[in-house]
Structures are given as C-alpha cells and as structure tokens.
Amino acid sequence: MKVKNKRLVLTGAAGGMGSILARELFMRGAKLALVDANTDALKTLAEQLDGAVAVSGDLSTAVGCQSVADQCRELLGGVDMLVNLAGINSFTAFEDETAEKIELMIHVNLLAPMWLSRALLPEMQQRNRGHIVNIGSTFGSIGFAYFSTYSASKFGLRGFSESLRRELADTGIKVSYIAPRAVKTAMNTEAVNRMGVATGMNMDEPEAVVVRIVAAIEADKKDTYFGFPESLFVRVNAVLPRLVDGALAAQNRVAKAFAKGEK
C-alpha cells in the first residue's frame, strides 16, 4: 500500500530508527499518528513534522493499547495502516533475565502488536481495506543464544503475522512481516556492540534499513528479510536447524563472556 495520504499509526516513533522512519513516511506524504512512551521526544518529533499528531501511551498493557488505538483513530479520523515498530531488546544469559523483563518484552514486542491490530482491525474490515505491518527481526527466524526472550517474542510476531495474513486472505486487508538483521541503534547496549565486533556480527545503518522498510510496505511484500548472509541462514535454519547449531557454536562461546559481563 502506498503511504501517500494514508492515515498511518507508527509505534516506537521517538526511538532511533523510529524517528528516521517517521521522517521518511512524512516525506512520502503519510498522515501520521506517532506513538511512543517517551513523551518529550515524541512531542519534539511531532513538532518537526507538520501535521503529525503525538500519542503518548503505554504499550505494555491491553488497556494502554486500546487507549492508544482510540486516540489515533480519533485524531486521524480513522486508520489505514498500522506499523508496529516499538520493541525492547535484552542481551543476557537467560538465567540472569528477570521475570519482570521477560514479561515486559513479551508484552511490548508481541502482545502490543496483537492488541493494537485487534483494536484497529474492525474498522479496516468495515472498509475492506488496510495494512498491518509488523517489524520483526532475523532473530524471529533464528534463535540466537543470549537473546532468548527477544528471539521468542519475534518468533511469536512472525507467527502472528503469518496466521493473520491467512485469516484475511479473502479481504482487502494486507499483513506484512519485515525482518531486518541487527541495526545500529541506541537499543544496542555497549556489551552488544563489543560482542558484535568480537564476533564479526553484521549491523546495518538505520537510514538504509528505513528505506528498505518503506519500499517493502509500498510493494505489499508479505515477508521480507534484510541482509546477506542472514537472509540465507533464515532459509537454512528452517530446514536444517541442527546445521546452524554447529555454525553458531563458536560465536556463541565468544558471546557468552559479554552476556555474562566477563568482558
């Protein structure tokens, strides 16, 4: 779906990649409702994008997501497209992950896109037109050690996208799942950055990723994976996961020291 003149909700809009994506969508003529929990940064961004509206909200609860959806619908006069970008990452050994962080990541990364989609879907069904875009990750197809909860949430998001797309196949509503590999944003901790250097992990510039995200949206791509060889490994992991176990073993041993805070 072309974004020009579309009433579009973007979550995670005030983040590193979110603000870049918001500007790109604005330049292409989208009518934006920008959603983020960072009220100050969100307000500043909305002021820079003439006509965009800011919706500060809590995406970690069903009630918060319903409130965000209602505000966006009212401010835009309806919603044509939902882009679920907001997310939380964690790089740690799973035994060191707190129960609270596990719950928060699942809520924001997986349940929030589901709650928001559920809240906005009936309106799209009435018009028989709309587009739900879920921004996933290569980590949603390949389970990476020391990113267990994050990977689990993105695996779930990929499954939700596939299921909902099939459910809506006979309608005019499209569902896209877009999966970049690692991106150079503030979401990455210093430990992640140092681990990335030590293991030779590929990381893309957010500006380049944003251009590809918008291109995938406007081309109505169902599933899109960015980056080589990661996009190839996604296919290999789907049919020969034990082969990928071996390929990642040495990298995982290096990553462990950074995840445990030993380096």
Protein backbone atom coordinates (compact mmCIF):
# COMPACT_ATOMS: atom_id res chain seq x y z
CA MET A 1 0.00 0.00 0.00
CA LYS A 2 1.37 3.41 -0.96
CA VAL A 3 1.76 5.60 2.12
CA LYS A 4 0.89 8.92 0.47
CA ASN A 5 -2.23 10.41 2.07
CA LYS A 6 -2.70 7.29 4.20
CA ARG A 7 -3.64 7.69 7.85
CA LEU A 8 -0.78 5.80 9.46
CA VAL A 9 -0.03 4.82 13.06
CA LEU A 10 3.66 4.29 13.86
CA THR A 11 4.68 2.86 17.23
CA GLY A 12 8.16 3.36 18.65
CA ALA A 13 8.24 6.61 16.69
CA ALA A 14 10.59 8.51 19.01
CA GLY A 15 13.31 5.85 19.00
CA GLY A 16 16.49 5.79 16.96
CA MET A 17 15.08 4.01 13.93
CA GLY A 18 11.52 5.13 14.66
CA SER A 19 12.27 8.83 14.25
CA ILE A 20 14.07 8.16 10.96
CA LEU A 21 11.15 6.06 9.73
CA ALA A 22 8.68 8.74 10.82
CA ARG A 23 10.54 11.35 8.77
CA GLU A 24 10.67 9.09 5.72
CA LEU A 25 6.95 8.36 5.92
CA PHE A 26 6.24 12.06 6.38
CA MET A 27 8.33 12.94 3.32
CA ARG A 28 6.27 10.45 1.32
CA GLY A 29 3.03 12.12 2.31
CA ALA A 30 1.67 9.92 5.10
CA LYS A 31 -0.69 11.43 7.67
CA LEU A 32 0.99 10.31 10.89
CA ALA A 33 -0.02 9.41 14.40
CA LEU A 34 3.27 8.96 16.24
CA VAL A 35 3.18 6.65 19.27
CA ASP A 36 5.84 6.33 21.96
CA ALA A 37 6.21 6.25 25.73
CA ASN A 38 8.88 8.98 25.62
CA THR A 39 6.57 11.98 25.80
CA ASP A 40 9.18 14.72 25.45
CA ALA A 41 10.98 13.18 22.47
CA LEU A 42 7.64 12.37 20.85
CA LYS A 43 6.40 15.94 21.19
CA THR A 44 9.61 17.31 19.70
CA LEU A 45 9.38 14.96 16.72
CA ALA A 46 5.72 15.77 16.07
CA GLU A 47 6.51 19.49 16.09
CA GLN A 48 9.14 18.90 13.41
CA LEU A 49 6.70 17.01 11.18
CA ASP A 50 3.95 19.50 10.40
CA GLY A 51 0.54 17.88 10.76
CA ALA A 52 1.72 14.78 12.62
CA VAL A 53 -0.01 14.04 15.92
CA ALA A 54 1.67 12.69 19.04
CA VAL A 55 0.08 9.93 21.10
CA SER A 56 1.96 9.07 24.28
CA GLY A 57 0.90 5.75 25.69
CA ASP A 58 1.76 2.54 27.49
CA LEU A 59 2.01 -0.38 25.06
CA SER A 60 2.76 -2.90 27.79
CA THR A 61 -0.92 -3.42 28.68
CA ALA A 62 -4.07 -4.24 26.76
CA VAL A 63 -5.81 -1.21 28.28
CA GLY A 64 -2.96 1.06 27.24
CA CYS A 65 -3.01 -0.28 23.67
CA GLN A 66 -6.77 0.19 23.41
CA SER A 67 -6.38 3.77 24.61
CA VAL A 68 -3.64 4.43 22.04
CA ALA A 69 -5.77 2.93 19.26
CA ASP A 70 -8.79 5.02 20.24
CA GLN A 71 -6.74 8.24 20.35
CA CYS A 72 -5.12 7.54 16.98
CA ARG A 73 -8.47 6.77 15.37
CA GLU A 74 -9.99 9.98 16.72
CA LEU A 75 -7.05 12.23 15.84
CA LEU A 76 -6.63 10.86 12.31
CA GLY A 77 -10.31 10.35 11.58
CA GLY A 78 -9.64 6.65 11.00
CA VAL A 79 -6.61 4.45 10.42
CA ASP A 80 -5.48 2.99 7.08
CA MET A 81 -2.17 1.50 8.18
CA LEU A 82 -0.58 0.30 11.43
CA VAL A 83 3.21 -0.05 11.60
CA ASN A 84 4.28 -1.92 14.75
CA LEU A 85 7.91 -0.91 15.26
CA ALA A 86 8.14 -0.45 19.04
CA GLY A 87 10.32 -3.05 20.72
CA ILE A 88 12.62 -3.86 23.62
CA ASN A 89 15.79 -5.95 23.45
CA SER A 90 17.89 -7.75 26.05
CA PHE A 91 21.30 -9.36 25.77
CA THR A 92 21.95 -11.64 28.72
CA ALA A 93 22.15 -15.25 29.79
CA PHE A 94 18.60 -16.47 30.27
CA GLU A 95 19.23 -17.48 33.88
CA ASP A 96 20.09 -13.84 34.59
CA GLU A 97 16.95 -12.42 32.92
CA THR A 98 14.44 -11.10 35.42
CA ALA A 99 10.84 -12.26 35.33
CA GLU A 100 9.77 -8.63 35.01
CA LYS A 101 11.95 -8.05 31.93
CA ILE A 102 10.69 -11.24 30.30
CA GLU A 103 7.10 -10.15 30.81
CA LEU A 104 7.76 -6.61 29.57
CA MET A 105 9.48 -7.80 26.37
CA ILE A 106 6.68 -10.22 25.53
CA HIS A 107 4.08 -7.54 26.18
CA VAL A 108 5.75 -4.80 24.11
CA ASN A 109 7.27 -6.91 21.32
CA LEU A 110 4.44 -9.38 20.77
CA LEU A 111 1.25 -8.63 22.65
CA ALA A 112 1.18 -4.90 21.82
CA PRO A 113 1.13 -5.52 18.03
CA MET A 114 -1.62 -8.09 18.61
CA TRP A 115 -3.64 -5.79 20.86
CA LEU A 116 -3.31 -2.82 18.51
CA SER A 117 -4.15 -4.91 15.47
CA ARG A 118 -7.23 -6.26 17.25
CA ALA A 119 -8.33 -2.74 18.20
CA LEU A 120 -7.95 -1.31 14.67
CA LEU A 121 -8.98 -4.32 12.59
CA PRO A 122 -12.79 -3.95 12.77
CA GLU A 123 -12.60 -0.51 11.15
CA MET A 124 -10.37 -1.87 8.38
CA GLN A 125 -12.82 -4.73 7.87
CA GLN A 126 -15.72 -2.32 7.51
CA ARG A 127 -13.87 -0.58 4.66
CA ASN A 128 -12.36 -3.87 3.39
CA ARG A 129 -9.05 -2.05 3.13
CA GLY A 130 -5.99 -1.60 5.34
CA HIS A 131 -2.45 -2.70 6.00
CA ILE A 132 -0.87 -4.07 9.19
CA VAL A 133 2.94 -4.02 9.16
CA ASN A 134 4.90 -5.88 11.84
CA ILE A 135 8.60 -5.09 12.09
CA GLY A 136 10.29 -8.27 13.23
CA SER A 137 13.88 -9.40 13.08
CA THR A 138 16.18 -12.10 11.77
CA PHE A 139 16.11 -13.13 15.44
CA GLY A 140 12.49 -14.15 14.83
CA SER A 141 13.61 -16.92 12.46
CA ILE A 142 16.95 -17.89 14.01
CA GLY A 143 17.07 -18.29 17.78
CA PHE A 144 20.26 -16.59 18.90
CA ALA A 145 21.94 -17.51 22.18
CA TYR A 146 21.76 -14.81 24.90
CA PHE A 147 18.81 -13.17 23.13
CA SER A 148 16.37 -15.90 24.15
CA THR A 149 13.44 -13.75 25.24
CA TYR A 150 13.85 -11.27 22.40
CA SER A 151 14.04 -14.11 19.88
CA ALA A 152 10.97 -15.76 21.39
CA SER A 153 8.97 -12.54 21.09
CA LYS A 154 9.97 -12.08 17.46
CA PHE A 155 9.27 -15.74 16.61
CA GLY A 156 5.79 -15.10 18.02
CA LEU A 157 5.37 -11.91 15.99
CA ARG A 158 6.30 -13.75 12.81
CA GLY A 159 3.77 -16.49 13.57
CA PHE A 160 1.06 -13.95 14.35
CA SER A 161 1.74 -12.13 11.06
CA GLU A 162 1.54 -15.34 9.04
CA SER A 163 -1.64 -16.54 10.73
CA LEU A 164 -3.45 -13.19 10.47
CA ARG A 165 -2.44 -12.84 6.81
CA ARG A 166 -4.02 -16.20 6.02
CA GLU A 167 -7.10 -15.29 8.01
CA LEU A 168 -7.54 -12.09 5.99
CA ALA A 169 -6.54 -13.58 2.62
CA ASP A 170 -10.01 -13.08 1.10
CA THR A 171 -10.22 -9.44 2.17
CA GLY A 172 -8.59 -6.20 1.06
CA ILE A 173 -6.50 -6.05 4.24
CA LYS A 174 -2.80 -6.83 3.90
CA VAL A 175 -0.37 -8.07 6.56
CA SER A 176 3.39 -7.65 6.17
CA TYR A 177 6.24 -9.03 8.25
CA ILE A 178 9.55 -7.23 7.75
CA ALA A 179 12.70 -8.61 9.35
CA PRO A 180 15.93 -6.60 9.37
CA ARG A 181 19.16 -8.04 10.76
CA ALA A 182 20.96 -6.15 13.54
CA VAL A 183 20.70 -2.36 13.21
CA LYS A 184 23.00 0.29 14.67
CA THR A 185 20.65 2.00 17.13
CA ALA A 186 20.63 3.01 20.78
CA MET A 187 18.68 -0.18 21.54
CA ASN A 188 22.03 -1.98 21.48
CA THR A 189 23.94 -1.82 24.75
CA GLU A 190 27.69 -1.35 24.89
CA ALA A 191 28.01 -5.07 25.61
CA VAL A 192 26.12 -5.87 22.41
CA ASN A 193 28.32 -3.53 20.40
CA ARG A 194 31.52 -5.04 21.80
CA MET A 195 30.21 -8.55 21.26
CA GLY A 196 29.31 -7.61 17.71
CA VAL A 197 32.85 -6.50 16.98
CA ALA A 198 34.32 -9.62 18.58
CA THR A 199 32.08 -11.99 16.61
CA GLY A 200 32.02 -10.05 13.34
CA MET A 201 28.26 -9.52 13.55
CA ASN A 202 26.82 -7.56 10.63
CA MET A 203 24.98 -4.38 11.63
CA ASP A 204 23.21 -2.03 9.23
CA GLU A 205 22.79 1.74 9.34
CA PRO A 206 19.22 2.66 10.33
CA GLU A 207 18.78 5.06 7.41
CA ALA A 208 19.40 2.27 4.89
CA VAL A 209 17.06 -0.08 6.74
CA VAL A 210 14.27 2.52 6.79
CA VAL A 211 14.42 2.98 3.03
CA ARG A 212 14.04 -0.76 2.57
CA ILE A 213 11.19 -0.96 5.08
CA VAL A 214 9.19 1.67 3.23
CA ALA A 215 9.91 0.03 -0.12
CA ALA A 216 8.65 -3.31 1.25
CA ILE A 217 5.49 -1.67 2.60
CA GLU A 218 4.68 0.07 -0.65
CA ALA A 219 5.35 -3.11 -2.65
CA ASP A 220 2.91 -5.04 -0.41
CA LYS A 221 5.60 -7.59 0.45
CA LYS A 222 4.26 -10.38 2.65
CA ASP A 223 7.60 -11.40 4.18
CA THR A 224 10.86 -9.50 3.76
CA TYR A 225 14.27 -10.31 5.22
CA PHE A 226 17.17 -7.86 5.02
CA GLY A 227 20.87 -8.66 4.86
CA PHE A 228 23.09 -11.36 3.42
CA PRO A 229 24.09 -13.97 4.54
CA GLU A 230 21.49 -13.69 7.33
CA SER A 231 18.58 -13.96 4.89
CA LEU A 232 20.12 -17.18 3.58
CA PHE A 233 20.60 -18.54 7.11
CA VAL A 234 16.88 -17.96 7.72
CA ARG A 235 16.11 -20.43 4.93
CA VAL A 236 18.76 -22.90 6.06
CA ASN A 237 17.60 -22.75 9.68
CA ALA A 238 14.04 -23.52 8.59
CA VAL A 239 15.04 -26.88 7.10
CA LEU A 240 18.37 -27.75 8.75
CA PRO A 241 18.43 -26.10 12.20
CA ARG A 242 20.99 -28.52 13.62
CA LEU A 243 23.41 -27.45 10.90
CA VAL A 244 23.01 -23.88 12.09
CA ASP A 245 23.66 -25.04 15.68
CA GLY A 246 27.14 -26.03 14.62
CA ALA A 247 27.74 -22.93 12.55
CA LEU A 248 26.92 -20.68 15.52
CA ALA A 249 28.72 -22.68 18.22
CA ALA A 250 32.00 -20.78 18.13
CA GLN A 251 30.24 -17.41 18.01
CA ASN A 252 28.08 -18.37 20.99
CA ARG A 253 31.14 -19.19 23.09
CA VAL A 254 32.53 -15.73 22.41
CA ALA A 255 29.18 -14.06 23.07
CA LYS A 256 28.80 -15.78 26.45
CA ALA A 257 31.61 -13.76 28.04
CA PHE A 258 29.94 -10.48 27.03
CA ALA A 259 26.46 -11.64 28.06
CA LYS A 260 27.75 -12.65 31.49
CA GLY A 261 29.65 -9.39 31.91
CA GLU A 262 33.05 -11.06 31.86
CA LYS A 263 34.31 -8.78 29.05
